[in-house]
């Protein structure tokens, strides 16, 4: 078992789970959703200094009429996470709790423990959220900001490969959403033991 040293609690969920998880002593909320999403009532219950709402689509390449995550979004996300104190509980949500939220969680953990190898960080994220498929663009932007030399996106390849081993049909959904580069990354990762 890996001993972690970050001092805050971290939970990942989707919109449908917000009411459930917000009742578990959550102190901070990171909300990652499409630009057109109207905030649920529970989101507004957090004080402005204890919540951050970032609005972009769950895409990894620029697309017409779609807003991709950009460097400034990740700068804001990491700055927000740096303010967490011992005993705080951060809830990170996106639409389904699979892609944007798990990418954000990975970057937050990588920042909190800079000496921790990226495979350990991604493993922790999949322990927190077994359905994880972290948004590759967010990982690439965050990896660059954290000076990790590409290790976070590289480590994500195994997460993708394991997800496809569980559900091969998921690849069709990912490709249909313009995220074929993530499938290529999965296929370029080492074979599963």
C-alpha atoms as a PDB file:
ATOM      1  CA  UNK A   1       0.000   0.000   0.000  1.00  0.00           C
ATOM      2  CA  UNK A   2       1.323   3.425  -0.993  1.00  0.00           C
ATOM      3  CA  UNK A   3       1.507   6.010   1.793  1.00  0.00           C
ATOM      4  CA  UNK A   4       0.155   9.364   0.660  1.00  0.00           C
ATOM      5  CA  UNK A   5       1.029  12.647   2.352  1.00  0.00           C
ATOM      6  CA  UNK A   6      -1.543  15.102   1.016  1.00  0.00           C
ATOM      7  CA  UNK A   7      -3.563  16.479   3.912  1.00  0.00           C
ATOM      8  CA  UNK A   8      -6.975  17.065   2.374  1.00  0.00           C
ATOM      9  CA  UNK A   9      -9.747  14.618   1.495  1.00  0.00           C
ATOM     10  CA  UNK A  10     -10.609  14.225  -2.184  1.00  0.00           C
ATOM     11  CA  UNK A  11     -13.819  12.946  -3.732  1.00  0.00           C
ATOM     12  CA  UNK A  12     -14.727  12.671  -7.430  1.00  0.00           C
ATOM     13  CA  UNK A  13     -18.282  12.485  -8.748  1.00  0.00           C
ATOM     14  CA  UNK A  14     -20.689  13.321 -11.537  1.00  0.00           C
ATOM     15  CA  UNK A  15     -23.551  15.818 -11.556  1.00  0.00           C
ATOM     16  CA  UNK A  16     -26.115  13.154 -10.630  1.00  0.00           C
ATOM     17  CA  UNK A  17     -24.162  12.433  -7.426  1.00  0.00           C
ATOM     18  CA  UNK A  18     -23.670  16.024  -6.236  1.00  0.00           C
ATOM     19  CA  UNK A  19     -26.455  16.042  -3.668  1.00  0.00           C
ATOM     20  CA  UNK A  20     -25.194  12.802  -2.145  1.00  0.00           C
ATOM     21  CA  UNK A  21     -21.556  13.808  -1.861  1.00  0.00           C
ATOM     22  CA  UNK A  22     -22.101  17.417  -0.829  1.00  0.00           C
ATOM     23  CA  UNK A  23     -23.603  16.109   2.400  1.00  0.00           C
ATOM     24  CA  UNK A  24     -20.323  14.425   3.397  1.00  0.00           C
ATOM     25  CA  UNK A  25     -18.490  17.310   5.098  1.00  0.00           C
ATOM     26  CA  UNK A  26     -17.236  18.734   1.816  1.00  0.00           C
ATOM     27  CA  UNK A  27     -15.527  22.099   2.346  1.00  0.00           C
ATOM     28  CA  UNK A  28     -14.500  22.952  -1.240  1.00  0.00           C
ATOM     29  CA  UNK A  29     -16.015  22.323  -4.653  1.00  0.00           C
ATOM     30  CA  UNK A  30     -14.354  22.246  -8.059  1.00  0.00           C
ATOM     31  CA  UNK A  31     -17.047  22.236 -10.740  1.00  0.00           C
ATOM     32  CA  UNK A  32     -16.030  21.291 -14.296  1.00  0.00           C
ATOM     33  CA  UNK A  33     -18.908  21.343 -16.753  1.00  0.00           C
ATOM     34  CA  UNK A  34     -19.976  22.409 -20.213  1.00  0.00           C
ATOM     35  CA  UNK A  35     -20.292  26.184 -20.709  1.00  0.00           C
ATOM     36  CA  UNK A  36     -24.058  25.912 -21.143  1.00  0.00           C
ATOM     37  CA  UNK A  37     -24.624  23.931 -17.924  1.00  0.00           C
ATOM     38  CA  UNK A  38     -26.765  25.730 -15.369  1.00  0.00           C
ATOM     39  CA  UNK A  39     -25.389  25.226 -11.872  1.00  0.00           C
ATOM     40  CA  UNK A  40     -27.343  22.987  -9.552  1.00  0.00           C
ATOM     41  CA  UNK A  41     -28.525  24.572  -6.300  1.00  0.00           C
ATOM     42  CA  UNK A  42     -25.979  22.679  -4.224  1.00  0.00           C
ATOM     43  CA  UNK A  43     -23.087  24.256  -6.152  1.00  0.00           C
ATOM     44  CA  UNK A  44     -24.193  27.758  -5.189  1.00  0.00           C
ATOM     45  CA  UNK A  45     -24.284  26.772  -1.518  1.00  0.00           C
ATOM     46  CA  UNK A  46     -20.478  26.958  -1.331  1.00  0.00           C
ATOM     47  CA  UNK A  47     -18.881  30.281  -0.459  1.00  0.00           C
ATOM     48  CA  UNK A  48     -17.156  31.912  -3.454  1.00  0.00           C
ATOM     49  CA  UNK A  49     -13.698  31.364  -1.943  1.00  0.00           C
ATOM     50  CA  UNK A  50     -14.461  27.654  -1.477  1.00  0.00           C
ATOM     51  CA  UNK A  51     -15.603  26.853  -4.996  1.00  0.00           C
ATOM     52  CA  UNK A  52     -14.262  27.171  -8.479  1.00  0.00           C
ATOM     53  CA  UNK A  53     -16.353  26.710 -11.591  1.00  0.00           C
ATOM     54  CA  UNK A  54     -14.511  26.076 -14.833  1.00  0.00           C
ATOM     55  CA  UNK A  55     -16.599  25.824 -17.978  1.00  0.00           C
ATOM     56  CA  UNK A  56     -15.358  24.011 -21.072  1.00  0.00           C
ATOM     57  CA  UNK A  57     -16.384  20.999 -23.110  1.00  0.00           C
ATOM     58  CA  UNK A  58     -14.938  17.550 -22.551  1.00  0.00           C
ATOM     59  CA  UNK A  59     -12.796  17.587 -25.681  1.00  0.00           C
ATOM     60  CA  UNK A  60      -9.086  17.196 -26.328  1.00  0.00           C
ATOM     61  CA  UNK A  61      -8.754  18.964 -29.684  1.00  0.00           C
ATOM     62  CA  UNK A  62     -10.250  22.299 -30.801  1.00  0.00           C
ATOM     63  CA  UNK A  63     -13.604  21.813 -32.521  1.00  0.00           C
ATOM     64  CA  UNK A  64     -16.073  24.271 -34.071  1.00  0.00           C
ATOM     65  CA  UNK A  65     -18.600  25.672 -31.593  1.00  0.00           C
ATOM     66  CA  UNK A  66     -16.891  23.833 -28.711  1.00  0.00           C
ATOM     67  CA  UNK A  67     -14.718  25.286 -25.977  1.00  0.00           C
ATOM     68  CA  UNK A  68     -11.644  23.206 -25.153  1.00  0.00           C
ATOM     69  CA  UNK A  69      -9.845  23.408 -21.791  1.00  0.00           C
ATOM     70  CA  UNK A  70      -6.945  25.833 -22.017  1.00  0.00           C
ATOM     71  CA  UNK A  71      -3.826  26.698 -20.066  1.00  0.00           C
ATOM     72  CA  UNK A  72      -5.573  29.411 -18.020  1.00  0.00           C
ATOM     73  CA  UNK A  73      -8.225  26.917 -16.875  1.00  0.00           C
ATOM     74  CA  UNK A  74      -5.515  24.628 -15.528  1.00  0.00           C
ATOM     75  CA  UNK A  75      -3.633  27.538 -13.945  1.00  0.00           C
ATOM     76  CA  UNK A  76      -6.822  28.458 -12.061  1.00  0.00           C
ATOM     77  CA  UNK A  77      -7.508  24.838 -11.078  1.00  0.00           C
ATOM     78  CA  UNK A  78      -4.009  24.375  -9.635  1.00  0.00           C
ATOM     79  CA  UNK A  79      -4.108  27.736  -7.819  1.00  0.00           C
ATOM     80  CA  UNK A  80      -7.441  26.794  -6.236  1.00  0.00           C
ATOM     81  CA  UNK A  81      -6.038  23.453  -5.053  1.00  0.00           C
ATOM     82  CA  UNK A  82      -2.960  25.119  -3.531  1.00  0.00           C
ATOM     83  CA  UNK A  83      -5.297  26.879  -1.081  1.00  0.00           C
ATOM     84  CA  UNK A  84      -6.507  23.613   0.462  1.00  0.00           C
ATOM     85  CA  UNK A  85      -5.588  23.231   4.126  1.00  0.00           C
ATOM     86  CA  UNK A  86      -5.162  20.138   6.294  1.00  0.00           C
ATOM     87  CA  UNK A  87      -8.590  18.710   7.035  1.00  0.00           C
ATOM     88  CA  UNK A  88     -10.294  20.287   4.010  1.00  0.00           C
ATOM     89  CA  UNK A  89     -12.427  18.041   1.793  1.00  0.00           C
ATOM     90  CA  UNK A  90     -12.432  18.822  -1.932  1.00  0.00           C
ATOM     91  CA  UNK A  91     -15.211  17.495  -4.132  1.00  0.00           C
ATOM     92  CA  UNK A  92     -14.369  17.547  -7.844  1.00  0.00           C
ATOM     93  CA  UNK A  93     -17.237  17.002 -10.257  1.00  0.00           C
ATOM     94  CA  UNK A  94     -17.833  17.006 -13.967  1.00  0.00           C
ATOM     95  CA  UNK A  95     -20.789  15.751 -15.958  1.00  0.00           C
ATOM     96  CA  UNK A  96     -20.277  12.022 -15.368  1.00  0.00           C
ATOM     97  CA  UNK A  97     -17.298  11.957 -12.998  1.00  0.00           C
ATOM     98  CA  UNK A  98     -15.180  10.166 -15.593  1.00  0.00           C
ATOM     99  CA  UNK A  99     -13.020  12.557 -17.624  1.00  0.00           C
ATOM    100  CA  UNK A 100     -12.617  16.210 -16.655  1.00  0.00           C
ATOM    101  CA  UNK A 101     -12.940  15.525 -12.926  1.00  0.00           C
ATOM    102  CA  UNK A 102     -10.476  12.629 -12.936  1.00  0.00           C
ATOM    103  CA  UNK A 103      -7.960  14.670 -14.940  1.00  0.00           C
ATOM    104  CA  UNK A 104      -8.338  17.516 -12.445  1.00  0.00           C
ATOM    105  CA  UNK A 105      -7.902  15.116  -9.521  1.00  0.00           C
ATOM    106  CA  UNK A 106      -4.729  13.696 -11.071  1.00  0.00           C
ATOM    107  CA  UNK A 107      -3.246  17.170 -11.501  1.00  0.00           C
ATOM    108  CA  UNK A 108      -4.211  18.189  -7.977  1.00  0.00           C
ATOM    109  CA  UNK A 109      -2.550  15.088  -6.521  1.00  0.00           C
ATOM    110  CA  UNK A 110       0.542  15.531  -8.722  1.00  0.00           C
ATOM    111  CA  UNK A 111       0.847  19.105  -7.473  1.00  0.00           C
ATOM    112  CA  UNK A 112       0.301  18.126  -3.832  1.00  0.00           C
ATOM    113  CA  UNK A 113       2.992  15.442  -4.033  1.00  0.00           C
ATOM    114  CA  UNK A 114       5.516  16.548  -6.664  1.00  0.00           C
ATOM    115  CA  UNK A 115       7.911  13.685  -5.929  1.00  0.00           C
ATOM    116  CA  UNK A 116       5.189  11.069  -6.413  1.00  0.00           C
ATOM    117  CA  UNK A 117       5.603   9.185  -9.729  1.00  0.00           C
ATOM    118  CA  UNK A 118       2.780   9.797 -12.204  1.00  0.00           C
ATOM    119  CA  UNK A 119       1.758   6.102 -12.367  1.00  0.00           C
ATOM    120  CA  UNK A 120       1.090   6.229  -8.610  1.00  0.00           C
ATOM    121  CA  UNK A 121      -0.955   9.410  -9.040  1.00  0.00           C
ATOM    122  CA  UNK A 122      -3.092   7.875 -11.795  1.00  0.00           C
ATOM    123  CA  UNK A 123      -3.486   4.672  -9.786  1.00  0.00           C
ATOM    124  CA  UNK A 124      -4.797   6.712  -6.852  1.00  0.00           C
ATOM    125  CA  UNK A 125      -7.289   8.445  -9.127  1.00  0.00           C
ATOM    126  CA  UNK A 126      -8.601   5.099 -10.369  1.00  0.00           C
ATOM    127  CA  UNK A 127      -8.921   3.934  -6.763  1.00  0.00           C
ATOM    128  CA  UNK A 128     -11.017   7.023  -6.033  1.00  0.00           C
ATOM    129  CA  UNK A 129     -13.002   6.689  -9.259  1.00  0.00           C
ATOM    130  CA  UNK A 130     -12.727   3.266 -10.945  1.00  0.00           C
ATOM    131  CA  UNK A 131     -14.477   4.529 -14.097  1.00  0.00           C
ATOM    132  CA  UNK A 132     -11.718   7.138 -14.674  1.00  0.00           C
ATOM    133  CA  UNK A 133     -10.846   8.164 -18.238  1.00  0.00           C
ATOM    134  CA  UNK A 134      -8.927  11.432 -17.645  1.00  0.00           C
ATOM    135  CA  UNK A 135      -9.114  14.146 -20.282  1.00  0.00           C
ATOM    136  CA  UNK A 136      -5.777  14.005 -22.105  1.00  0.00           C
ATOM    137  CA  UNK A 137      -5.676  17.708 -23.012  1.00  0.00           C
ATOM    138  CA  UNK A 138      -6.055  18.678 -19.353  1.00  0.00           C
ATOM    139  CA  UNK A 139      -3.317  16.225 -18.379  1.00  0.00           C
ATOM    140  CA  UNK A 140      -0.961  17.594 -21.039  1.00  0.00           C
ATOM    141  CA  UNK A 141      -1.552  21.205 -20.005  1.00  0.00           C
ATOM    142  CA  UNK A 142      -1.164  20.406 -16.311  1.00  0.00           C
ATOM    143  CA  UNK A 143       1.905  18.254 -16.850  1.00  0.00           C
ATOM    144  CA  UNK A 144       3.593  21.184 -18.616  1.00  0.00           C
ATOM    145  CA  UNK A 145       2.621  23.624 -15.849  1.00  0.00           C
ATOM    146  CA  UNK A 146       3.886  21.252 -13.169  1.00  0.00           C
ATOM    147  CA  UNK A 147       7.125  20.596 -15.066  1.00  0.00           C
ATOM    148  CA  UNK A 148       6.591  16.828 -15.068  1.00  0.00           C
ATOM    149  CA  UNK A 149       8.184  16.255 -18.495  1.00  0.00           C
ATOM    150  CA  UNK A 150       5.254  14.395 -20.046  1.00  0.00           C
ATOM    151  CA  UNK A 151       5.038  11.689 -17.399  1.00  0.00           C
ATOM    152  CA  UNK A 152       1.397  12.330 -16.468  1.00  0.00           C
ATOM    153  CA  UNK A 153      -0.041  11.864 -19.988  1.00  0.00           C
ATOM    154  CA  UNK A 154       2.257   8.873 -20.453  1.00  0.00           C
ATOM    155  CA  UNK A 155       0.960   7.285 -17.251  1.00  0.00           C
ATOM    156  CA  UNK A 156      -2.631   7.861 -18.409  1.00  0.00           C
ATOM    157  CA  UNK A 157      -2.099   5.419 -21.271  1.00  0.00           C
ATOM    158  CA  UNK A 158      -2.372   2.484 -18.888  1.00  0.00           C
ATOM    159  CA  UNK A 159      -5.568   3.902 -17.356  1.00  0.00           C
ATOM    160  CA  UNK A 160      -7.081   4.087 -20.840  1.00  0.00           C
ATOM    161  CA  UNK A 161      -5.900   0.586 -21.703  1.00  0.00           C
ATOM    162  CA  UNK A 162      -7.396  -0.884 -18.532  1.00  0.00           C
ATOM    163  CA  UNK A 163     -10.694   0.901 -19.167  1.00  0.00           C
ATOM    164  CA  UNK A 164     -10.819  -0.523 -22.689  1.00  0.00           C
ATOM    165  CA  UNK A 165     -10.027  -4.001 -21.373  1.00  0.00           C
ATOM    166  CA  UNK A 166     -13.108  -3.702 -19.120  1.00  0.00           C
ATOM    167  CA  UNK A 167     -15.323  -2.232 -21.836  1.00  0.00           C
ATOM    168  CA  UNK A 168     -13.944  -2.459 -25.406  1.00  0.00           C
ATOM    169  CA  UNK A 169     -17.056  -0.745 -26.806  1.00  0.00           C
ATOM    170  CA  UNK A 170     -16.134   2.421 -24.909  1.00  0.00           C
ATOM    171  CA  UNK A 171     -13.559   3.078 -27.642  1.00  0.00           C
ATOM    172  CA  UNK A 172     -16.363   3.816 -30.123  1.00  0.00           C
ATOM    173  CA  UNK A 173     -17.782   6.522 -27.852  1.00  0.00           C
ATOM    174  CA  UNK A 174     -14.353   8.082 -27.327  1.00  0.00           C
ATOM    175  CA  UNK A 175     -13.608   8.101 -31.069  1.00  0.00           C
ATOM    176  CA  UNK A 176     -17.064   9.490 -31.894  1.00  0.00           C
ATOM    177  CA  UNK A 177     -16.306  12.403 -29.570  1.00  0.00           C
ATOM    178  CA  UNK A 178     -13.105  13.307 -31.413  1.00  0.00           C
ATOM    179  CA  UNK A 179     -10.796  11.773 -28.828  1.00  0.00           C
ATOM    180  CA  UNK A 180      -9.130   9.110 -30.923  1.00  0.00           C
ATOM    181  CA  UNK A 181      -5.728  10.282 -29.693  1.00  0.00           C
ATOM    182  CA  UNK A 182      -6.602   8.786 -26.302  1.00  0.00           C
ATOM    183  CA  UNK A 183      -7.381   5.440 -27.962  1.00  0.00           C
ATOM    184  CA  UNK A 184      -4.036   5.614 -29.763  1.00  0.00           C
ATOM    185  CA  UNK A 185      -2.371   6.293 -26.417  1.00  0.00           C
ATOM    186  CA  UNK A 186      -4.089   3.263 -24.899  1.00  0.00           C
ATOM    187  CA  UNK A 187      -2.965   1.042 -27.724  1.00  0.00           C
ATOM    188  CA  UNK A 188       0.615   2.276 -27.424  1.00  0.00           C
ATOM    189  CA  UNK A 189       0.833   1.376 -23.726  1.00  0.00           C
ATOM    190  CA  UNK A 190       2.468  -1.827 -22.563  1.00  0.00           C
ATOM    191  CA  UNK A 191       0.325  -4.959 -22.483  1.00  0.00           C
ATOM    192  CA  UNK A 192      -1.547  -5.595 -19.282  1.00  0.00           C
ATOM    193  CA  UNK A 193      -0.158  -8.243 -16.998  1.00  0.00           C
END
